[in-house]
Structures are given as C-alpha cells and as structure tokens.
Amino acid sequence: MKGYIINPDRKIVEAVTNGLYKKEGHCPCRVIKDETTLCPCDDFIQNQNCVCKLYVKKEEAGE
C-alpha cells in the first residue's frame, strides 16, 4: 500500500507476525478466518485501517 511501511517497532511486528503464523496468515485481530481476513486484510486494503498496527503511515513512523 503506497504511503505505508511495516511498523518500525520490532515488538509489535514480532507479536503480529506470531499471531499471523498461528492463524495461518489471517489477521490476528480478527475473530473470523476467511478470505477477507488474510493479511493484508480487506479493511486495510479498502480503508487503510490496520488494527494490528503492522502497517503504519510513513509520516507516523517518522519517515
């Protein structure tokens, strides 16, 4: 997604990627596992809303 980067906070990235692994690639913030929750989830793609904070705006990350 243009204008977004992986969160520079390693603790957040580690927690989210562990959750993604446990949920077989589905967003760890979502209860339902379907095609809309595969990372990057539809909510992020359509609304630029990453609840997990795996993806952040470049400006928020200080870039």
N, C-alpha and C. Protein backbone atom coordinates (compact mmCIF):
# COMPACT_ATOMS: atom_id res chain seq x y z
N MET A 1 0.86 -1.17 0.00
CA MET A 1 0.00 0.00 0.00
C MET A 1 0.90 1.23 0.00
N LYS A 2 0.70 2.08 -0.94
CA LYS A 2 1.52 3.28 -1.07
C LYS A 2 1.33 4.19 0.14
N GLY A 3 2.45 4.69 0.67
CA GLY A 3 2.40 5.59 1.82
C GLY A 3 2.46 4.88 3.16
N TYR A 4 2.54 3.55 3.14
CA TYR A 4 2.60 2.76 4.37
C TYR A 4 3.87 1.92 4.39
N ILE A 5 4.34 1.64 5.59
CA ILE A 5 5.51 0.79 5.79
C ILE A 5 5.21 -0.20 6.92
N ILE A 6 6.06 -1.20 7.04
CA ILE A 6 5.96 -2.10 8.19
C ILE A 6 6.36 -1.29 9.42
N ASN A 7 5.64 -1.47 10.49
CA ASN A 7 5.88 -0.74 11.73
C ASN A 7 7.34 -0.89 12.16
N PRO A 8 8.04 0.19 12.45
CA PRO A 8 9.43 0.08 12.90
C PRO A 8 9.59 -0.47 14.32
N ASP A 9 8.49 -0.60 15.06
CA ASP A 9 8.54 -1.15 16.41
C ASP A 9 8.63 -2.67 16.33
N ARG A 10 9.80 -3.21 16.62
CA ARG A 10 10.05 -4.65 16.47
C ARG A 10 9.16 -5.50 17.36
N LYS A 11 8.81 -5.01 18.54
CA LYS A 11 7.95 -5.78 19.44
C LYS A 11 6.57 -5.97 18.84
N ILE A 12 6.03 -4.91 18.24
CA ILE A 12 4.71 -5.01 17.60
C ILE A 12 4.78 -5.96 16.42
N VAL A 13 5.80 -5.80 15.59
CA VAL A 13 5.94 -6.65 14.41
C VAL A 13 6.08 -8.12 14.83
N GLU A 14 6.86 -8.38 15.85
CA GLU A 14 7.04 -9.76 16.33
C GLU A 14 5.72 -10.34 16.83
N ALA A 15 4.98 -9.57 17.60
CA ALA A 15 3.70 -10.05 18.13
C ALA A 15 2.71 -10.32 17.00
N VAL A 16 2.63 -9.41 16.05
CA VAL A 16 1.68 -9.57 14.95
C VAL A 16 2.08 -10.74 14.05
N THR A 17 3.36 -10.85 13.73
CA THR A 17 3.78 -11.95 12.86
C THR A 17 3.60 -13.31 13.55
N ASN A 18 3.79 -13.36 14.85
CA ASN A 18 3.50 -14.60 15.59
C ASN A 18 2.02 -14.93 15.50
N GLY A 19 1.18 -13.92 15.63
CA GLY A 19 -0.27 -14.11 15.50
C GLY A 19 -0.66 -14.55 14.11
N LEU A 20 -0.02 -13.96 13.10
CA LEU A 20 -0.28 -14.36 11.72
C LEU A 20 0.09 -15.82 11.49
N TYR A 21 1.21 -16.23 12.06
CA TYR A 21 1.65 -17.62 11.93
C TYR A 21 0.63 -18.56 12.58
N LYS A 22 0.19 -18.21 13.78
CA LYS A 22 -0.75 -19.07 14.50
C LYS A 22 -2.11 -19.15 13.80
N LYS A 23 -2.48 -18.07 13.10
CA LYS A 23 -3.79 -18.04 12.42
C LYS A 23 -3.65 -18.29 10.92
N GLU A 24 -2.51 -18.89 10.52
CA GLU A 24 -2.29 -19.29 9.13
C GLU A 24 -2.44 -18.14 8.14
N GLY A 25 -1.87 -16.98 8.49
CA GLY A 25 -1.87 -15.84 7.59
C GLY A 25 -3.06 -14.90 7.73
N HIS A 26 -3.97 -15.23 8.61
CA HIS A 26 -5.14 -14.37 8.83
C HIS A 26 -4.82 -13.34 9.91
N CYS A 27 -5.42 -12.18 9.79
CA CYS A 27 -5.20 -11.09 10.73
C CYS A 27 -5.45 -11.56 12.17
N PRO A 28 -4.46 -11.41 13.05
CA PRO A 28 -4.63 -11.85 14.43
C PRO A 28 -5.66 -11.02 15.20
N CYS A 29 -6.05 -9.88 14.68
CA CYS A 29 -7.04 -9.02 15.35
C CYS A 29 -8.48 -9.43 15.03
N ARG A 30 -8.64 -10.32 14.09
CA ARG A 30 -9.98 -10.71 13.64
C ARG A 30 -10.36 -12.06 14.23
N VAL A 31 -11.62 -12.22 14.56
CA VAL A 31 -12.12 -13.47 15.10
C VAL A 31 -12.36 -14.47 13.96
N ILE A 32 -12.94 -13.99 12.89
CA ILE A 32 -13.29 -14.83 11.75
C ILE A 32 -12.06 -15.06 10.87
N LYS A 33 -11.92 -16.27 10.36
CA LYS A 33 -10.88 -16.59 9.39
C LYS A 33 -11.55 -16.88 8.05
N ASP A 34 -11.48 -15.90 7.14
CA ASP A 34 -11.99 -16.10 5.79
C ASP A 34 -11.11 -15.31 4.82
N GLU A 35 -11.51 -15.27 3.56
CA GLU A 35 -10.67 -14.60 2.55
C GLU A 35 -10.51 -13.10 2.81
N THR A 36 -11.41 -12.50 3.57
CA THR A 36 -11.31 -11.05 3.84
C THR A 36 -10.34 -10.73 4.97
N THR A 37 -9.91 -11.76 5.72
CA THR A 37 -9.02 -11.50 6.85
C THR A 37 -7.58 -11.93 6.60
N LEU A 38 -7.28 -12.38 5.38
CA LEU A 38 -5.89 -12.69 5.06
C LEU A 38 -5.09 -11.40 5.03
N CYS A 39 -3.91 -11.42 5.61
CA CYS A 39 -3.08 -10.23 5.70
C CYS A 39 -2.42 -9.93 4.36
N PRO A 40 -2.48 -8.69 3.89
CA PRO A 40 -3.19 -7.57 4.47
C PRO A 40 -4.70 -7.73 4.27
N CYS A 41 -5.44 -7.51 5.33
CA CYS A 41 -6.88 -7.74 5.32
C CYS A 41 -7.62 -6.72 4.45
N ASP A 42 -8.83 -7.05 4.11
CA ASP A 42 -9.64 -6.17 3.27
C ASP A 42 -9.86 -4.80 3.90
N ASP A 43 -10.00 -4.74 5.22
CA ASP A 43 -10.19 -3.46 5.89
C ASP A 43 -9.00 -2.54 5.64
N PHE A 44 -7.80 -3.09 5.69
CA PHE A 44 -6.62 -2.28 5.42
C PHE A 44 -6.56 -1.88 3.95
N ILE A 45 -6.83 -2.81 3.07
CA ILE A 45 -6.76 -2.52 1.64
C ILE A 45 -7.79 -1.46 1.24
N GLN A 46 -9.00 -1.58 1.75
CA GLN A 46 -10.07 -0.67 1.35
C GLN A 46 -10.09 0.63 2.14
N ASN A 47 -9.76 0.58 3.43
CA ASN A 47 -9.91 1.76 4.30
C ASN A 47 -8.62 2.25 4.93
N GLN A 48 -7.49 1.61 4.57
CA GLN A 48 -6.19 1.95 5.16
C GLN A 48 -6.25 1.93 6.69
N ASN A 49 -6.92 0.92 7.22
CA ASN A 49 -7.08 0.77 8.66
C ASN A 49 -6.45 -0.54 9.11
N CYS A 50 -5.22 -0.47 9.64
CA CYS A 50 -4.55 -1.67 10.13
C CYS A 50 -4.69 -1.70 11.65
N VAL A 51 -5.65 -2.47 12.12
CA VAL A 51 -5.95 -2.55 13.54
C VAL A 51 -4.75 -3.11 14.31
N CYS A 52 -4.03 -4.04 13.71
CA CYS A 52 -2.88 -4.68 14.35
C CYS A 52 -1.69 -3.75 14.50
N LYS A 53 -1.67 -2.69 13.72
CA LYS A 53 -0.54 -1.75 13.67
C LYS A 53 0.70 -2.37 13.03
N LEU A 54 0.52 -3.41 12.20
CA LEU A 54 1.64 -3.96 11.45
C LEU A 54 2.07 -2.96 10.39
N TYR A 55 1.10 -2.33 9.77
CA TYR A 55 1.36 -1.31 8.76
C TYR A 55 1.04 0.06 9.34
N VAL A 56 1.95 1.00 9.17
CA VAL A 56 1.75 2.36 9.65
C VAL A 56 2.08 3.34 8.52
N LYS A 57 1.50 4.51 8.60
CA LYS A 57 1.82 5.55 7.62
C LYS A 57 3.27 5.96 7.78
N LYS A 58 3.92 6.28 6.67
CA LYS A 58 5.31 6.70 6.73
C LYS A 58 5.49 7.89 7.67
N GLU A 59 4.53 8.82 7.62
CA GLU A 59 4.62 10.02 8.46
C GLU A 59 4.61 9.67 9.94
N GLU A 60 3.77 8.69 10.32
CA GLU A 60 3.68 8.28 11.72
C GLU A 60 4.95 7.60 12.19
N ALA A 61 5.67 7.00 11.25
CA ALA A 61 6.90 6.29 11.59
C ALA A 61 8.11 7.21 11.57
N GLY A 62 7.88 8.48 11.21
CA GLY A 62 8.98 9.44 11.18
C GLY A 62 9.80 9.39 9.92
N GLU A 63 9.22 8.87 8.84
CA GLU A 63 9.96 8.82 7.56
C GLU A 63 9.47 9.86 6.61
